[in-house]
Amino acid sequence: MEAIACPRVTSVYLNNYVGKNVTIVGKVLELRGEEALIDADGNVTAHLDREAHLMVNNGVQIIGKVQPDLSIKVLNSIDLGTNVDYSLANKVVEISHQHPSLFHYD
């Protein structure tokens, strides 16, 4: 199976990745049926798959496809629990965008 590039982003970068797969880390603010509202340096709506088992106030890592409305169609999600350093996660995103040669996203 071929690897798929999934650059790390926050809500700020979503408009640069419409139609592409991304990785995003944030805090689950709300669960609404098959949708979740995630705080990833701004609010992001995630359209969940059946495998998603998220909890409000827990961190989550999502791999998904950015939709034209800047929501994310979830392909994979991991509940990270409550002990997440969101500022560190956001810093990794910033560094990966400031120094793209250090990260391989073809």
N, C-alpha and C. Protein backbone atom coordinates (compact mmCIF):
# COMPACT_ATOMS: atom_id res chain seq x y z
N MET A 1 0.83 -1.17 0.00
CA MET A 1 0.00 0.00 0.00
C MET A 1 0.88 1.25 0.00
N GLU A 2 0.51 2.23 -0.79
CA GLU A 2 1.28 3.46 -0.92
C GLU A 2 0.96 4.42 0.22
N ALA A 3 1.96 5.10 0.73
CA ALA A 3 1.77 6.09 1.78
C ALA A 3 1.05 7.32 1.23
N ILE A 4 0.19 7.90 2.05
CA ILE A 4 -0.54 9.10 1.66
C ILE A 4 -0.05 10.24 2.54
N ALA A 5 0.32 11.37 1.93
CA ALA A 5 0.78 12.53 2.68
C ALA A 5 -0.39 13.15 3.44
N CYS A 6 -0.18 13.39 4.72
CA CYS A 6 -1.20 13.99 5.58
C CYS A 6 -0.54 15.07 6.42
N PRO A 7 -0.30 16.26 5.85
CA PRO A 7 0.36 17.31 6.61
C PRO A 7 -0.42 17.69 7.86
N ARG A 8 0.31 18.08 8.89
CA ARG A 8 -0.32 18.53 10.12
C ARG A 8 -0.80 19.96 9.94
N VAL A 9 -2.06 20.21 10.34
CA VAL A 9 -2.65 21.53 10.20
C VAL A 9 -3.45 21.89 11.45
N THR A 10 -3.79 23.17 11.54
CA THR A 10 -4.80 23.66 12.47
C THR A 10 -5.90 24.27 11.63
N SER A 11 -6.92 24.82 12.28
CA SER A 11 -8.02 25.42 11.53
C SER A 11 -7.55 26.53 10.60
N VAL A 12 -6.48 27.20 10.97
CA VAL A 12 -5.94 28.32 10.21
C VAL A 12 -5.50 27.90 8.80
N TYR A 13 -5.04 26.68 8.64
CA TYR A 13 -4.46 26.21 7.37
C TYR A 13 -5.44 25.44 6.49
N LEU A 14 -6.64 25.19 6.96
CA LEU A 14 -7.56 24.32 6.22
C LEU A 14 -7.84 24.79 4.80
N ASN A 15 -7.97 26.10 4.60
CA ASN A 15 -8.30 26.59 3.26
C ASN A 15 -7.21 26.29 2.23
N ASN A 16 -6.00 25.97 2.69
CA ASN A 16 -4.90 25.61 1.78
C ASN A 16 -4.94 24.13 1.37
N TYR A 17 -5.83 23.35 1.98
CA TYR A 17 -5.81 21.90 1.77
C TYR A 17 -7.17 21.32 1.37
N VAL A 18 -8.03 22.11 0.78
CA VAL A 18 -9.34 21.61 0.36
C VAL A 18 -9.14 20.47 -0.64
N GLY A 19 -9.82 19.36 -0.37
CA GLY A 19 -9.72 18.19 -1.24
C GLY A 19 -8.53 17.29 -0.92
N LYS A 20 -7.75 17.65 0.09
CA LYS A 20 -6.56 16.86 0.45
C LYS A 20 -6.69 16.29 1.85
N ASN A 21 -5.91 15.27 2.12
CA ASN A 21 -5.88 14.66 3.44
C ASN A 21 -4.94 15.43 4.36
N VAL A 22 -5.35 15.58 5.62
CA VAL A 22 -4.56 16.28 6.61
C VAL A 22 -4.63 15.54 7.94
N THR A 23 -3.72 15.92 8.84
CA THR A 23 -3.75 15.45 10.22
C THR A 23 -3.98 16.67 11.09
N ILE A 24 -4.92 16.56 12.02
CA ILE A 24 -5.24 17.69 12.89
C ILE A 24 -5.44 17.19 14.31
N VAL A 25 -4.89 17.93 15.28
CA VAL A 25 -5.04 17.60 16.70
C VAL A 25 -5.82 18.72 17.36
N GLY A 26 -6.81 18.36 18.16
CA GLY A 26 -7.60 19.37 18.85
C GLY A 26 -8.40 18.77 19.98
N LYS A 27 -9.16 19.63 20.63
CA LYS A 27 -10.00 19.23 21.77
C LYS A 27 -11.44 19.10 21.30
N VAL A 28 -12.10 18.02 21.69
CA VAL A 28 -13.50 17.79 21.33
C VAL A 28 -14.37 18.70 22.20
N LEU A 29 -15.08 19.62 21.54
CA LEU A 29 -15.95 20.55 22.25
C LEU A 29 -17.39 20.04 22.34
N GLU A 30 -17.87 19.44 21.24
CA GLU A 30 -19.25 18.94 21.17
C GLU A 30 -19.31 17.70 20.30
N LEU A 31 -20.24 16.83 20.62
CA LEU A 31 -20.58 15.69 19.77
C LEU A 31 -22.04 15.85 19.40
N ARG A 32 -22.33 15.82 18.09
CA ARG A 32 -23.70 15.98 17.59
C ARG A 32 -23.99 14.89 16.57
N GLY A 33 -24.42 13.75 17.05
CA GLY A 33 -24.69 12.63 16.14
C GLY A 33 -23.42 12.18 15.45
N GLU A 34 -23.36 12.34 14.14
CA GLU A 34 -22.20 11.91 13.37
C GLU A 34 -21.23 13.06 13.09
N GLU A 35 -21.34 14.13 13.88
CA GLU A 35 -20.43 15.27 13.76
C GLU A 35 -19.83 15.59 15.12
N ALA A 36 -18.64 16.17 15.06
CA ALA A 36 -17.98 16.66 16.27
C ALA A 36 -17.46 18.06 15.99
N LEU A 37 -17.50 18.90 17.01
CA LEU A 37 -16.89 20.21 16.92
C LEU A 37 -15.57 20.14 17.66
N ILE A 38 -14.48 20.43 16.96
CA ILE A 38 -13.13 20.31 17.48
C ILE A 38 -12.49 21.69 17.57
N ASP A 39 -11.81 21.98 18.68
CA ASP A 39 -11.03 23.21 18.78
C ASP A 39 -9.59 22.88 18.41
N ALA A 40 -9.17 23.34 17.25
CA ALA A 40 -7.80 23.14 16.76
C ALA A 40 -7.28 24.51 16.36
N ASP A 41 -7.01 25.35 17.35
CA ASP A 41 -6.61 26.75 17.12
C ASP A 41 -7.72 27.47 16.34
N GLY A 42 -8.95 27.11 16.66
CA GLY A 42 -10.17 27.58 15.99
C GLY A 42 -11.08 26.38 15.80
N ASN A 43 -12.36 26.62 15.63
CA ASN A 43 -13.32 25.52 15.53
C ASN A 43 -13.32 24.86 14.16
N VAL A 44 -13.42 23.53 14.20
CA VAL A 44 -13.47 22.71 12.98
C VAL A 44 -14.58 21.68 13.18
N THR A 45 -15.42 21.52 12.16
CA THR A 45 -16.45 20.47 12.19
C THR A 45 -15.87 19.22 11.56
N ALA A 46 -16.01 18.10 12.27
CA ALA A 46 -15.51 16.81 11.78
C ALA A 46 -16.70 15.89 11.54
N HIS A 47 -16.80 15.35 10.33
CA HIS A 47 -17.83 14.38 9.98
C HIS A 47 -17.26 13.00 10.30
N LEU A 48 -17.78 12.39 11.35
CA LEU A 48 -17.19 11.17 11.92
C LEU A 48 -17.54 9.94 11.12
N ASP A 49 -16.63 8.97 11.17
CA ASP A 49 -16.91 7.65 10.62
C ASP A 49 -17.47 6.78 11.75
N ARG A 50 -17.90 5.60 11.43
CA ARG A 50 -18.51 4.72 12.44
C ARG A 50 -17.50 4.21 13.47
N GLU A 51 -16.24 4.29 13.16
CA GLU A 51 -15.19 3.80 14.06
C GLU A 51 -14.80 4.83 15.11
N ALA A 52 -15.26 6.07 14.98
CA ALA A 52 -14.87 7.13 15.90
C ALA A 52 -15.55 6.94 17.26
N HIS A 53 -14.73 6.96 18.30
CA HIS A 53 -15.24 6.85 19.67
C HIS A 53 -14.61 7.99 20.47
N LEU A 54 -15.18 9.18 20.31
CA LEU A 54 -14.62 10.37 20.93
C LEU A 54 -15.41 10.74 22.18
N MET A 55 -14.77 11.53 23.04
CA MET A 55 -15.43 12.01 24.25
C MET A 55 -15.22 13.52 24.35
N VAL A 56 -16.26 14.23 24.76
CA VAL A 56 -16.18 15.67 24.95
C VAL A 56 -15.09 15.99 25.97
N ASN A 57 -14.31 17.01 25.71
CA ASN A 57 -13.19 17.50 26.52
C ASN A 57 -11.92 16.68 26.38
N ASN A 58 -11.95 15.60 25.61
CA ASN A 58 -10.73 14.84 25.34
C ASN A 58 -10.06 15.39 24.09
N GLY A 59 -8.78 15.13 23.98
CA GLY A 59 -8.06 15.46 22.77
C GLY A 59 -8.32 14.40 21.72
N VAL A 60 -8.12 14.77 20.46
CA VAL A 60 -8.30 13.84 19.37
C VAL A 60 -7.29 14.15 18.28
N GLN A 61 -6.79 13.10 17.64
CA GLN A 61 -6.01 13.27 16.42
C GLN A 61 -6.86 12.71 15.29
N ILE A 62 -7.07 13.53 14.28
CA ILE A 62 -7.90 13.14 13.14
C ILE A 62 -7.06 13.15 11.88
N ILE A 63 -7.22 12.12 11.07
CA ILE A 63 -6.73 12.12 9.70
C ILE A 63 -7.98 12.14 8.85
N GLY A 64 -8.07 13.13 7.97
CA GLY A 64 -9.27 13.23 7.16
C GLY A 64 -9.09 14.14 5.97
N LYS A 65 -10.13 14.18 5.15
CA LYS A 65 -10.11 14.97 3.91
C LYS A 65 -10.85 16.28 4.14
N VAL A 66 -10.19 17.39 3.79
CA VAL A 66 -10.78 18.71 3.95
C VAL A 66 -11.83 18.94 2.87
N GLN A 67 -13.04 19.29 3.30
CA GLN A 67 -14.17 19.52 2.42
C GLN A 67 -14.21 21.00 1.98
N PRO A 68 -14.94 21.32 0.92
CA PRO A 68 -15.02 22.71 0.44
C PRO A 68 -15.50 23.71 1.51
N ASP A 69 -16.33 23.24 2.46
CA ASP A 69 -16.80 24.13 3.53
C ASP A 69 -15.83 24.18 4.71
N LEU A 70 -14.62 23.61 4.52
CA LEU A 70 -13.54 23.56 5.51
C LEU A 70 -13.83 22.65 6.70
N SER A 71 -14.83 21.79 6.56
CA SER A 71 -15.02 20.72 7.54
C SER A 71 -14.10 19.57 7.13
N ILE A 72 -14.02 18.55 7.97
CA ILE A 72 -13.16 17.41 7.68
C ILE A 72 -13.98 16.13 7.69
N LYS A 73 -13.85 15.35 6.62
CA LYS A 73 -14.44 14.01 6.58
C LYS A 73 -13.41 13.06 7.18
N VAL A 74 -13.73 12.53 8.34
CA VAL A 74 -12.78 11.72 9.10
C VAL A 74 -12.55 10.37 8.44
N LEU A 75 -11.27 10.05 8.25
CA LEU A 75 -10.87 8.73 7.76
C LEU A 75 -10.38 7.87 8.92
N ASN A 76 -9.78 8.52 9.92
CA ASN A 76 -9.25 7.83 11.10
C ASN A 76 -9.20 8.82 12.25
N SER A 77 -9.52 8.35 13.45
CA SER A 77 -9.43 9.22 14.61
C SER A 77 -8.89 8.43 15.80
N ILE A 78 -8.16 9.14 16.65
CA ILE A 78 -7.60 8.54 17.85
C ILE A 78 -7.92 9.44 19.03
N ASP A 79 -8.60 8.90 20.04
CA ASP A 79 -8.86 9.65 21.27
C ASP A 79 -7.55 9.75 22.04
N LEU A 80 -7.13 10.98 22.36
CA LEU A 80 -5.86 11.21 23.05
C LEU A 80 -6.01 11.41 24.55
N GLY A 81 -7.23 11.35 25.06
CA GLY A 81 -7.44 11.53 26.49
C GLY A 81 -7.43 13.00 26.87
N THR A 82 -7.22 13.27 28.16
CA THR A 82 -7.33 14.64 28.66
C THR A 82 -5.98 15.33 28.85
N ASN A 83 -4.90 14.61 28.79
CA ASN A 83 -3.59 15.19 29.06
C ASN A 83 -2.86 15.51 27.75
N VAL A 84 -3.36 16.53 27.04
CA VAL A 84 -2.81 16.89 25.73
C VAL A 84 -2.25 18.30 25.81
N ASP A 85 -1.05 18.49 25.31
CA ASP A 85 -0.43 19.82 25.25
C ASP A 85 -0.75 20.41 23.88
N TYR A 86 -1.85 21.17 23.80
CA TYR A 86 -2.31 21.72 22.53
C TYR A 86 -1.35 22.77 22.00
N SER A 87 -0.70 23.51 22.88
CA SER A 87 0.26 24.51 22.40
C SER A 87 1.43 23.83 21.71
N LEU A 88 1.87 22.68 22.22
CA LEU A 88 2.94 21.92 21.56
C LEU A 88 2.48 21.39 20.21
N ALA A 89 1.27 20.86 20.15
CA ALA A 89 0.72 20.36 18.88
C ALA A 89 0.65 21.48 17.85
N ASN A 90 0.22 22.68 18.28
CA ASN A 90 0.14 23.82 17.37
C ASN A 90 1.53 24.27 16.93
N LYS A 91 2.51 24.18 17.82
CA LYS A 91 3.88 24.57 17.48
C LYS A 91 4.46 23.63 16.42
N VAL A 92 4.17 22.34 16.52
CA VAL A 92 4.62 21.38 15.50
C VAL A 92 4.04 21.76 14.13
N VAL A 93 2.77 22.17 14.11
CA VAL A 93 2.14 22.60 12.86
C VAL A 93 2.87 23.81 12.30
N GLU A 94 3.11 24.81 13.15
CA GLU A 94 3.80 26.02 12.71
C GLU A 94 5.18 25.70 12.13
N ILE A 95 5.93 24.88 12.82
CA ILE A 95 7.29 24.53 12.37
C ILE A 95 7.23 23.77 11.05
N SER A 96 6.27 22.86 10.91
CA SER A 96 6.18 22.09 9.66
C SER A 96 5.84 22.98 8.47
N HIS A 97 5.15 24.08 8.72
CA HIS A 97 4.82 25.00 7.62
C HIS A 97 5.92 26.04 7.39
N GLN A 98 6.69 26.35 8.42
CA GLN A 98 7.81 27.28 8.27
C GLN A 98 9.01 26.61 7.61
N HIS A 99 9.16 25.30 7.83
CA HIS A 99 10.31 24.56 7.32
C HIS A 99 9.85 23.30 6.58
N PRO A 100 9.16 23.46 5.46
CA PRO A 100 8.60 22.30 4.77
C PRO A 100 9.65 21.30 4.28
N SER A 101 10.90 21.75 4.09
CA SER A 101 11.93 20.83 3.62
C SER A 101 12.26 19.76 4.68
N LEU A 102 11.91 20.02 5.93
CA LEU A 102 12.14 19.04 6.99
C LEU A 102 11.07 17.96 7.04
N PHE A 103 9.96 18.20 6.33
CA PHE A 103 8.83 17.29 6.35
C PHE A 103 8.53 16.87 4.93
N HIS A 104 8.24 15.61 4.72
CA HIS A 104 8.01 15.06 3.38
C HIS A 104 6.52 14.96 3.12
N TYR A 105 5.94 15.93 2.43
CA TYR A 105 4.53 15.93 2.10
C TYR A 105 4.34 16.07 0.60
N ASP A 106 4.57 15.03 -0.14
CA ASP A 106 4.36 15.08 -1.60
C ASP A 106 2.90 14.91 -1.94
